[in-house]
Amino acid sequence: MKNGWESKELKAVSAINYGYTESASADPIGPRFLRITDIQNDNVEWKNVPYCNIAKDDLPKYRLKAGDIVFARTGATTGKSFLVSDPPKEAVFASYLIRLRLLDKDLSPEFVSLFFQTAEYWRAIKEGSSGSAQGGFNASKLGALSIPFPPIPEQRRIVGILDEAFAGIATAKANAEKNLQNARALFESHLNAVFTQRGDGELPTGERSAKLRPTDAAKDEKRVTRTGGRDATTRHIAPELALAVGMPVTRPSRNWNWTALTDLARLESGHTPSRRHPEYWNGQIPWIGIKDAKVNHGRHIVDTEQKTNDLGLANSSARLLPKNTVCLSRTASVGYVVVMGKPMATSQDFVNWVCSNRLVPDFLKYVFLAEGREGFFRYSSGAVHQTIYYPEAKAFHIAHPDIAEQQRIVLECDELRAKSQRLESIYRRKLAALDELKKSLLFQAFSGQL
């Protein structure tokens, strides 16, 4: 420790107390009632903080004042702290918070609050968390933490330096995050422009009827759906881009056509071999689950977390599907899209499309990506978990051009996506570097090197 610095346990320099237990109310029945959820981005909007009922005799014990530091003691935000600087005249703190109030005049609240952002502090939180599955940190453990500190003038100097540096870092992060969002929006905007199908009026009734009749491709045994179950729904969900349920009544734009997806690709389901038979697992056949689709969303997938084998396929409804099959997650995590980079099987959480020579697999991938994960909720239903059911999937129609134009669009989208991802990578690295800079400055500050 640097000469002139001291180190003391927090319990020796402060009073540490748990918060008040009561229900929050939107009605002004008492003081403001600060909860964990009211602390967002190191800020509290006091006008949005609810109220609580509290006995007059209890109010002084739980009243907040400037210079208090409160901590989340449980849940996902365990350890998060907030320096109270300008509270309302009457405000108390809730029971899932711990309040630290400095008693030692040789310590600045601003300096101490910076200590609660250091890597050393967060290591202590991680090591000391206990209790439920969500973890927790109690007042005794907080009080046992030691804080190094210099004389008050040096504390104020350090606080001034860090406040100025952190303000600059916050501005730089805000700019990098905006640029990151713009990089993502660049590709999303391009997809939207490519797949918007506003057209120029309605299809004639006769043309609609012709398009609703099965095509030669649909009659081909290789093209028909192999999922079994109910037939395609007869209901219609109008397109916002290039995907619809049922034949749209409007013309597609340019020289595109609306076609039933089952006329262009064979719909396949997936399945999970029994977990009660370990001999069905740990083989050589990649098996796509939701986790795999999440990690590989929008890309070609070449490996999976779990693998089955021939025995697993033989004793389940899972199927080995060919390379370039397009997989769309349809259950609780709706809207993840991957393309098989080799023959694989999938769980029942996917609808899988084996494309004919009239449909480029990556074109279909981009049709799905253009919808966005939230866009697929238009085609899903369910009281608890949203699911795209097979009658809707069987009734999918897509707008598409000829095969040469599909290939051109795929190439264009691939190039723009690669550019967008390069930009995203640059801005993520900038954000990571700014976080590391903040950690470095805090380390220097509390080791006497600043």
Protein backbone atom coordinates (compact mmCIF):
# COMPACT_ATOMS: atom_id res chain seq x y z
CA MET A 1 0.00 0.00 0.00
CA LYS A 2 1.22 3.48 -0.84
CA ASN A 3 2.64 5.58 2.00
CA GLY A 4 -0.01 7.69 3.71
CA TRP A 5 -2.83 5.31 2.84
CA GLU A 6 -4.89 3.31 5.35
CA SER A 7 -7.10 0.25 5.07
CA LYS A 8 -10.18 -0.37 7.20
CA GLU A 9 -13.10 -2.76 7.19
CA LEU A 10 -16.34 -1.11 6.16
CA LYS A 11 -18.04 -2.11 9.41
CA ALA A 12 -15.46 0.00 11.28
CA VAL A 13 -16.21 3.17 9.34
CA SER A 14 -19.94 2.94 8.60
CA ALA A 15 -23.39 1.87 9.74
CA ILE A 16 -24.80 -0.94 7.59
CA ASN A 17 -28.54 -1.71 7.67
CA TYR A 18 -31.17 -3.72 5.83
CA GLY A 19 -34.15 -1.95 4.25
CA TYR A 20 -37.80 -1.71 5.23
CA THR A 21 -40.29 -4.49 4.44
CA GLU A 22 -43.56 -3.19 3.00
CA SER A 23 -45.63 -3.25 -0.18
CA ALA A 24 -45.11 -0.48 -2.70
CA SER A 25 -48.02 1.73 -3.69
CA ALA A 26 -48.63 4.10 -6.59
CA ASP A 27 -50.64 6.30 -4.21
CA PRO A 28 -48.78 8.93 -2.13
CA ILE A 29 -49.52 7.23 1.20
CA GLY A 30 -46.06 7.86 2.68
CA PRO A 31 -42.42 8.40 1.69
CA ARG A 32 -40.88 7.32 -1.61
CA PHE A 33 -39.92 3.63 -1.44
CA LEU A 34 -36.64 2.92 -3.27
CA ARG A 35 -36.32 -0.62 -4.65
CA ILE A 36 -33.66 -2.48 -6.65
CA THR A 37 -35.64 -2.06 -9.85
CA ASP A 38 -35.74 1.73 -9.44
CA ILE A 39 -31.97 1.91 -9.92
CA GLN A 40 -31.25 1.90 -13.65
CA ASN A 41 -27.98 2.88 -15.36
CA ASP A 42 -26.61 4.34 -12.11
CA ASN A 43 -29.59 6.66 -11.86
CA VAL A 44 -32.93 6.95 -10.04
CA GLU A 45 -35.92 8.79 -11.45
CA TRP A 46 -37.40 9.73 -8.10
CA LYS A 47 -40.67 10.91 -9.63
CA ASN A 48 -41.28 7.32 -10.79
CA VAL A 49 -40.40 5.70 -7.45
CA PRO A 50 -43.51 4.39 -5.66
CA TYR A 51 -44.58 5.13 -2.11
CA CYS A 52 -45.07 3.01 1.00
CA ASN A 53 -46.82 3.13 4.31
CA ILE A 54 -44.45 3.37 7.29
CA ALA A 55 -44.94 4.06 10.98
CA LYS A 56 -43.74 7.48 12.14
CA ASP A 57 -41.36 5.88 14.64
CA ASP A 58 -39.72 3.75 11.91
CA LEU A 59 -39.16 6.58 9.46
CA PRO A 60 -35.88 7.91 10.95
CA LYS A 61 -34.32 4.43 10.87
CA TYR A 62 -34.93 3.93 7.15
CA ARG A 63 -34.81 7.51 5.83
CA LEU A 64 -32.30 8.10 3.03
CA LYS A 65 -30.02 11.11 2.90
CA ALA A 66 -27.32 12.39 0.57
CA GLY A 67 -24.11 10.38 0.89
CA ASP A 68 -25.84 7.07 1.63
CA ILE A 69 -24.83 4.15 -0.58
CA VAL A 70 -27.37 1.38 -1.21
CA PHE A 71 -26.64 -2.14 -2.50
CA ALA A 72 -28.70 -4.86 -4.13
CA ARG A 73 -28.29 -7.85 -1.85
CA THR A 74 -30.03 -10.52 -3.90
CA GLY A 75 -31.10 -11.47 -7.41
CA ALA A 76 -29.43 -10.98 -10.76
CA THR A 77 -28.10 -7.54 -9.79
CA THR A 78 -26.50 -8.59 -6.49
CA GLY A 79 -23.73 -6.14 -5.63
CA LYS A 80 -25.00 -3.26 -7.75
CA SER A 81 -24.60 -0.03 -5.78
CA PHE A 82 -25.98 3.50 -5.97
CA LEU A 83 -24.72 6.69 -4.32
CA VAL A 84 -27.69 8.72 -3.11
CA SER A 85 -26.97 12.36 -3.92
CA ASP A 86 -30.24 14.31 -3.95
CA PRO A 87 -33.12 12.27 -2.51
CA PRO A 88 -36.64 13.63 -1.87
CA LYS A 89 -37.27 15.02 1.58
CA GLU A 90 -38.94 11.76 2.60
CA ALA A 91 -37.56 8.56 1.06
CA VAL A 92 -36.82 5.11 2.51
CA PHE A 93 -35.24 1.97 1.05
CA ALA A 94 -36.74 -1.48 0.56
CA SER A 95 -35.72 -4.74 2.21
CA TYR A 96 -33.78 -6.17 -0.73
CA LEU A 97 -31.36 -3.27 -0.42
CA ILE A 98 -28.58 -2.72 2.11
CA ARG A 99 -27.70 0.85 3.10
CA LEU A 100 -24.16 1.91 4.00
CA ARG A 101 -23.83 5.26 5.80
CA LEU A 102 -20.30 6.49 6.47
CA LEU A 103 -19.50 7.53 10.04
CA ASP A 104 -15.79 8.21 9.53
CA LYS A 105 -15.17 11.82 8.49
CA ASP A 106 -11.90 10.72 6.87
CA LEU A 107 -13.83 9.01 4.07
CA SER A 108 -15.61 10.63 1.15
CA PRO A 109 -18.86 8.94 0.01
CA GLU A 110 -17.90 9.65 -3.62
CA PHE A 111 -14.52 7.94 -3.15
CA VAL A 112 -16.07 4.94 -1.41
CA SER A 113 -18.75 4.58 -4.10
CA LEU A 114 -15.97 4.32 -6.71
CA PHE A 115 -14.47 1.43 -4.75
CA PHE A 116 -17.72 -0.45 -5.37
CA GLN A 117 -16.96 -0.43 -9.10
CA THR A 118 -13.53 -2.05 -8.81
CA ALA A 119 -12.65 -5.57 -9.93
CA GLU A 120 -11.55 -6.34 -6.36
CA TYR A 121 -15.01 -5.50 -5.03
CA TRP A 122 -16.77 -7.59 -7.70
CA ARG A 123 -14.52 -10.55 -6.97
CA ALA A 124 -15.59 -10.32 -3.33
CA ILE A 125 -19.25 -10.22 -4.37
CA LYS A 126 -18.83 -13.29 -6.57
CA GLU A 127 -16.96 -15.24 -3.89
CA GLY A 128 -19.30 -14.17 -1.10
CA SER A 129 -22.64 -14.62 -2.79
CA SER A 130 -24.72 -17.25 -1.07
CA GLY A 131 -28.26 -18.45 -0.56
CA SER A 132 -30.70 -19.07 -3.38
CA ALA A 133 -29.95 -19.99 -6.96
CA GLN A 134 -29.94 -16.26 -7.69
CA GLY A 135 -27.17 -15.69 -5.15
CA GLY A 136 -27.02 -13.07 -2.41
CA PHE A 137 -24.72 -10.88 -0.32
CA ASN A 138 -25.46 -9.94 3.27
CA ALA A 139 -24.58 -7.02 5.54
CA SER A 140 -21.98 -9.03 7.48
CA LYS A 141 -20.03 -9.85 4.33
CA LEU A 142 -20.26 -6.26 3.16
CA GLY A 143 -18.98 -5.03 6.50
CA ALA A 144 -16.01 -7.41 6.35
CA LEU A 145 -14.70 -5.86 3.12
CA SER A 146 -11.60 -3.71 3.56
CA ILE A 147 -11.21 -0.46 1.65
CA PRO A 148 -7.86 1.25 1.04
CA PHE A 149 -7.96 5.05 1.21
CA PRO A 150 -5.64 8.08 1.29
CA PRO A 151 -6.22 11.38 3.16
CA ILE A 152 -9.36 13.34 2.23
CA PRO A 153 -7.60 15.86 -0.10
CA GLU A 154 -6.15 12.96 -2.12
CA GLN A 155 -9.54 11.24 -2.22
CA ARG A 156 -11.07 14.40 -3.67
CA ARG A 157 -8.30 14.68 -6.26
CA ILE A 158 -8.84 11.05 -7.34
CA VAL A 159 -12.62 11.51 -7.49
CA GLY A 160 -12.17 14.59 -9.70
CA ILE A 161 -9.84 12.76 -12.09
CA LEU A 162 -12.09 9.71 -12.34
CA ASP A 163 -15.29 11.72 -12.73
CA GLU A 164 -13.80 13.56 -15.70
CA ALA A 165 -12.35 10.39 -17.22
CA PHE A 166 -15.56 8.39 -16.74
CA ALA A 167 -17.62 11.15 -18.33
CA GLY A 168 -15.38 10.94 -21.39
CA ILE A 169 -15.62 7.15 -21.41
CA ALA A 170 -19.43 7.33 -21.14
CA THR A 171 -19.57 9.68 -24.15
CA ALA A 172 -17.25 7.44 -26.16
CA LYS A 173 -19.33 4.36 -25.25
CA ALA A 174 -22.55 6.09 -26.25
CA ASN A 175 -21.03 6.93 -29.65
CA ALA A 176 -19.70 3.39 -30.12
CA GLU A 177 -23.06 1.86 -29.15
CA LYS A 178 -24.84 4.15 -31.60
CA ASN A 179 -22.40 3.16 -34.34
CA LEU A 180 -22.94 -0.51 -33.44
CA GLN A 181 -26.69 -0.08 -33.77
CA ASN A 182 -26.19 1.70 -37.11
CA ALA A 183 -24.03 -1.18 -38.36
CA ARG A 184 -26.80 -3.65 -37.52
CA ALA A 185 -29.45 -1.37 -38.99
CA LEU A 186 -27.49 -1.13 -42.25
CA PHE A 187 -28.01 -4.81 -43.02
CA GLU A 188 -31.56 -4.94 -41.63
CA SER A 189 -32.51 -1.95 -43.77
CA HIS A 190 -31.08 -3.65 -46.86
CA LEU A 191 -33.08 -6.83 -46.18
CA ASN A 192 -36.20 -4.77 -45.73
CA ALA A 193 -35.64 -3.01 -49.04
CA VAL A 194 -34.92 -6.25 -50.92
CA PHE A 195 -37.89 -8.20 -49.58
CA THR A 196 -40.58 -5.52 -49.37
CA GLN A 197 -43.37 -6.71 -51.68
CA ARG A 198 -45.84 -3.86 -52.05
CA GLY A 199 -46.58 -4.61 -55.71
CA ASP A 200 -48.94 -2.67 -57.94
CA GLY A 201 -52.47 -3.81 -57.19
CA GLU A 202 -54.35 -7.03 -56.60
CA LEU A 203 -53.96 -10.30 -58.48
CA PRO A 204 -56.92 -11.08 -60.77
CA THR A 205 -59.26 -13.66 -59.26
CA GLY A 206 -58.47 -16.21 -61.96
CA GLU A 207 -54.74 -15.83 -61.44
CA ARG A 208 -55.22 -16.34 -57.71
CA SER A 209 -57.15 -19.56 -58.37
CA ALA A 210 -54.45 -20.87 -60.71
CA LYS A 211 -51.77 -20.14 -58.16
CA LEU A 212 -53.71 -21.98 -55.48
CA ARG A 213 -53.77 -25.20 -57.52
CA PRO A 214 -50.98 -27.71 -56.84
CA THR A 215 -48.02 -27.33 -59.18
CA ASP A 216 -46.10 -30.13 -60.81
CA ALA A 217 -43.42 -29.72 -58.16
CA ALA A 218 -45.98 -30.21 -55.41
CA LYS A 219 -47.08 -33.49 -57.00
CA ASP A 220 -43.52 -34.79 -57.05
CA GLU A 221 -43.04 -37.28 -54.21
CA LYS A 222 -39.67 -35.69 -53.48
CA ARG A 223 -41.28 -32.34 -52.83
CA VAL A 224 -44.28 -33.23 -50.69
CA THR A 225 -44.43 -32.53 -46.98
CA ARG A 226 -43.23 -35.39 -44.80
CA THR A 227 -44.39 -34.12 -41.42
CA GLY A 228 -47.80 -35.79 -41.27
CA GLY A 229 -50.41 -34.24 -38.98
CA ARG A 230 -52.95 -31.63 -39.94
CA ASP A 231 -53.28 -30.07 -43.38
CA ALA A 232 -52.26 -26.54 -44.21
CA THR A 233 -54.45 -23.88 -42.62
CA THR A 234 -56.94 -22.08 -44.81
CA ARG A 235 -56.57 -18.81 -42.95
CA HIS A 236 -54.52 -15.97 -44.41
CA ILE A 237 -51.88 -13.79 -42.82
CA ALA A 238 -51.01 -10.97 -45.20
CA PRO A 239 -47.34 -10.35 -45.94
CA GLU A 240 -45.33 -7.46 -44.56
CA LEU A 241 -42.29 -8.52 -46.57
CA ALA A 242 -41.80 -11.69 -48.64
CA LEU A 243 -43.51 -14.26 -46.39
CA ALA A 244 -47.22 -14.91 -45.91
CA VAL A 245 -49.61 -17.59 -44.74
CA GLY A 246 -51.89 -18.43 -47.63
CA MET A 247 -51.73 -16.90 -51.10
CA PRO A 248 -51.59 -13.08 -50.86
CA VAL A 249 -54.14 -11.13 -52.87
CA THR A 250 -51.64 -8.44 -53.92
CA ARG A 251 -49.14 -8.70 -56.73
CA PRO A 252 -45.48 -9.04 -55.77
CA SER A 253 -43.19 -6.24 -56.90
CA ARG A 254 -40.74 -6.44 -59.81
CA ASN A 255 -40.75 -9.75 -61.71
CA TRP A 256 -41.30 -11.87 -58.62
CA ASN A 257 -43.96 -14.51 -57.95
CA TRP A 258 -45.85 -15.67 -54.91
CA THR A 259 -45.51 -19.46 -54.53
CA ALA A 260 -46.44 -21.94 -51.81
CA LEU A 261 -43.19 -22.81 -50.07
CA THR A 262 -44.12 -26.49 -50.17
CA ASP A 263 -44.06 -26.18 -54.00
CA LEU A 264 -40.44 -25.07 -53.80
CA ALA A 265 -39.11 -27.17 -50.93
CA ARG A 266 -39.92 -30.30 -48.96
CA LEU A 267 -41.04 -29.58 -45.41
CA GLU A 268 -39.43 -31.87 -42.83
CA SER A 269 -39.89 -32.12 -39.08
CA GLY A 270 -37.41 -33.06 -36.37
CA HIS A 271 -37.47 -35.12 -33.22
CA THR A 272 -35.50 -35.86 -30.04
CA PRO A 273 -34.31 -39.44 -29.56
CA SER A 274 -35.21 -40.72 -26.10
CA ARG A 275 -33.02 -39.36 -23.30
CA ARG A 276 -33.72 -42.57 -21.38
CA HIS A 277 -31.52 -44.39 -23.85
CA PRO A 278 -27.97 -43.05 -23.54
CA GLU A 279 -26.95 -45.41 -26.32
CA TYR A 280 -28.86 -43.12 -28.73
CA TRP A 281 -26.50 -40.23 -28.00
CA ASN A 282 -22.84 -39.16 -28.29
CA GLY A 283 -22.56 -40.49 -31.83
CA GLN A 284 -21.38 -38.88 -35.06
CA ILE A 285 -24.63 -37.33 -36.36
CA PRO A 286 -24.97 -33.61 -35.52
CA TRP A 287 -28.32 -32.82 -33.91
CA ILE A 288 -29.48 -29.20 -33.93
CA GLY A 289 -31.16 -27.86 -30.81
CA ILE A 290 -32.32 -24.35 -29.93
CA LYS A 291 -28.95 -23.49 -28.33
CA ASP A 292 -27.17 -24.35 -31.56
CA ALA A 293 -29.57 -22.23 -33.61
CA LYS A 294 -29.15 -19.28 -31.25
CA VAL A 295 -25.35 -19.39 -31.50
CA ASN A 296 -25.38 -19.85 -35.29
CA HIS A 297 -28.38 -17.66 -36.14
CA GLY A 298 -28.26 -16.56 -39.76
CA ARG A 299 -25.27 -18.73 -40.63
CA HIS A 300 -24.35 -22.17 -41.97
CA ILE A 301 -24.00 -24.57 -39.05
CA VAL A 302 -21.25 -27.20 -39.16
CA ASP A 303 -21.22 -28.53 -35.59
CA THR A 304 -23.66 -28.99 -32.72
CA GLU A 305 -23.53 -29.26 -28.96
CA GLN A 306 -25.14 -32.71 -28.99
CA LYS A 307 -24.90 -35.60 -31.43
CA THR A 308 -27.05 -38.64 -32.00
CA ASN A 309 -26.32 -41.81 -34.00
CA ASP A 310 -27.94 -44.27 -36.40
CA LEU A 311 -29.60 -46.10 -33.51
CA GLY A 312 -31.12 -42.83 -32.27
CA LEU A 313 -32.53 -42.06 -35.71
CA ALA A 314 -33.85 -45.60 -36.18
CA ASN A 315 -35.75 -45.44 -32.89
CA SER A 316 -37.25 -41.97 -33.21
CA SER A 317 -38.93 -39.69 -35.73
CA ALA A 318 -35.70 -37.72 -36.19
CA ARG A 319 -34.38 -37.73 -39.74
CA LEU A 320 -30.98 -37.21 -41.30
CA LEU A 321 -31.51 -34.21 -43.56
CA PRO A 322 -29.19 -33.15 -46.39
CA LYS A 323 -26.66 -30.36 -46.49
CA ASN A 324 -28.24 -26.93 -47.22
CA THR A 325 -31.49 -27.74 -45.43
CA VAL A 326 -32.90 -24.48 -44.04
CA CYS A 327 -34.02 -24.75 -40.41
CA LEU A 328 -36.41 -22.33 -38.69
CA SER A 329 -37.06 -22.56 -34.93
CA ARG A 330 -40.77 -22.64 -34.30
CA THR A 331 -41.30 -23.08 -30.54
CA ALA A 332 -40.55 -20.94 -27.42
CA SER A 333 -37.52 -19.36 -29.13
CA VAL A 334 -39.23 -18.58 -32.42
CA GLY A 335 -37.37 -17.23 -35.43
CA TYR A 336 -33.80 -18.55 -35.29
CA VAL A 337 -32.60 -19.53 -38.77
CA VAL A 338 -29.66 -21.76 -39.75
CA VAL A 339 -28.59 -23.62 -42.88
CA MET A 340 -27.09 -27.10 -42.51
CA GLY A 341 -23.44 -27.15 -43.54
CA LYS A 342 -23.51 -30.96 -43.64
CA PRO A 343 -26.14 -33.72 -43.20
CA MET A 344 -27.75 -33.30 -39.77
CA ALA A 345 -30.87 -33.97 -37.72
CA THR A 346 -32.88 -31.49 -35.65
CA SER A 347 -35.14 -31.46 -32.63
CA GLN A 348 -38.90 -31.06 -32.96
CA ASP A 349 -38.42 -27.33 -32.28
CA PHE A 350 -37.77 -26.71 -35.98
CA VAL A 351 -39.51 -26.68 -39.32
CA ASN A 352 -36.95 -27.72 -41.93
CA TRP A 353 -36.97 -27.00 -45.64
CA VAL A 354 -35.12 -29.13 -48.22
CA CYS A 355 -35.01 -26.80 -51.20
CA SER A 356 -35.65 -27.88 -54.79
CA ASN A 357 -33.59 -26.59 -57.72
CA ARG A 358 -36.07 -23.71 -57.99
CA LEU A 359 -35.08 -22.23 -54.64
CA VAL A 360 -31.62 -21.18 -53.41
CA PRO A 361 -31.32 -22.22 -49.72
CA ASP A 362 -29.61 -18.99 -48.72
CA PHE A 363 -32.31 -16.97 -50.47
CA LEU A 364 -34.88 -18.68 -48.24
CA LYS A 365 -32.62 -17.99 -45.25
CA TYR A 366 -32.67 -14.28 -46.07
CA VAL A 367 -36.45 -14.32 -46.58
CA PHE A 368 -36.72 -15.61 -43.00
CA LEU A 369 -34.05 -13.24 -41.63
CA ALA A 370 -35.85 -10.27 -43.17
CA GLU A 371 -38.89 -11.08 -41.01
CA GLY A 372 -36.82 -10.70 -37.85
CA ARG A 373 -37.45 -12.89 -34.83
CA GLU A 374 -40.26 -10.64 -33.60
CA GLY A 375 -41.83 -10.69 -37.05
CA PHE A 376 -42.44 -14.44 -36.75
CA PHE A 377 -44.81 -13.86 -33.84
CA ARG A 378 -47.38 -12.89 -36.49
CA TYR A 379 -47.44 -16.54 -37.55
CA SER A 380 -47.32 -18.06 -34.05
CA SER A 381 -49.86 -18.68 -31.33
CA GLY A 382 -50.04 -20.10 -27.82
CA ALA A 383 -51.26 -19.13 -24.36
CA VAL A 384 -47.88 -19.62 -22.62
CA HIS A 385 -45.20 -20.17 -25.29
CA GLN A 386 -45.51 -18.86 -28.81
CA THR A 387 -45.31 -21.64 -31.42
CA ILE A 388 -45.52 -21.75 -35.21
CA TYR A 389 -47.72 -24.78 -35.76
CA TYR A 390 -47.44 -27.02 -38.82
CA PRO A 391 -50.73 -25.93 -40.45
CA GLU A 392 -49.28 -22.40 -40.66
CA ALA A 393 -45.85 -23.62 -41.86
CA LYS A 394 -47.52 -25.77 -44.53
CA ALA A 395 -49.38 -22.69 -45.74
CA PHE A 396 -46.26 -20.50 -45.99
CA HIS A 397 -45.98 -18.62 -49.29
CA ILE A 398 -42.89 -16.69 -50.33
CA ALA A 399 -42.25 -14.03 -52.94
CA HIS A 400 -39.28 -14.90 -55.13
CA PRO A 401 -37.65 -14.12 -58.47
CA ASP A 402 -36.06 -16.61 -60.85
CA ILE A 403 -33.06 -18.66 -59.73
CA ALA A 404 -30.45 -16.34 -61.30
CA GLU A 405 -31.86 -13.31 -59.47
CA GLN A 406 -32.04 -15.30 -56.22
CA GLN A 407 -28.33 -16.06 -56.57
CA ARG A 408 -27.53 -12.40 -57.25
CA ILE A 409 -29.51 -11.30 -54.19
CA VAL A 410 -27.76 -13.89 -52.01
CA LEU A 411 -24.34 -12.69 -53.15
CA GLU A 412 -25.30 -9.06 -52.51
CA CYS A 413 -26.70 -9.88 -49.05
CA ASP A 414 -23.66 -11.97 -48.17
CA GLU A 415 -21.31 -9.11 -49.03
CA LEU A 416 -23.30 -6.50 -47.12
CA ARG A 417 -23.73 -8.78 -44.13
CA ALA A 418 -19.98 -9.42 -44.01
CA LYS A 419 -19.37 -5.65 -44.11
CA SER A 420 -21.95 -5.06 -41.38
CA GLN A 421 -20.41 -7.77 -39.20
CA ARG A 422 -16.92 -6.30 -39.67
CA LEU A 423 -18.22 -2.93 -38.49
CA GLU A 424 -20.01 -4.56 -35.56
CA SER A 425 -16.78 -6.30 -34.59
CA ILE A 426 -14.86 -3.01 -34.66
CA TYR A 427 -17.38 -1.27 -32.40
CA ARG A 428 -17.62 -4.22 -30.01
CA ARG A 429 -13.83 -4.12 -29.64
CA LYS A 430 -14.04 -0.38 -28.96
CA LEU A 431 -16.65 -0.96 -26.27
CA ALA A 432 -14.54 -3.70 -24.70
CA ALA A 433 -11.48 -1.43 -24.77
CA LEU A 434 -13.41 1.35 -23.02
CA ASP A 435 -14.55 -1.08 -20.32
CA GLU A 436 -10.95 -2.19 -19.82
CA LEU A 437 -9.81 1.43 -19.61
CA LYS A 438 -12.31 2.10 -16.85
CA LYS A 439 -11.14 -0.98 -14.93
CA SER A 440 -7.51 0.08 -15.37
CA LEU A 441 -8.19 3.58 -14.05
CA LEU A 442 -10.01 2.17 -11.01
CA PHE A 443 -7.12 -0.21 -10.31
CA GLN A 444 -4.64 2.66 -10.51
CA ALA A 445 -6.81 4.84 -8.29
CA PHE A 446 -7.12 2.31 -5.46
CA SER A 447 -3.52 1.15 -5.63
CA GLY A 448 -2.19 4.70 -5.30
CA GLN A 449 -0.88 4.93 -8.88
CA LEU A 450 -3.17 7.64 -10.21
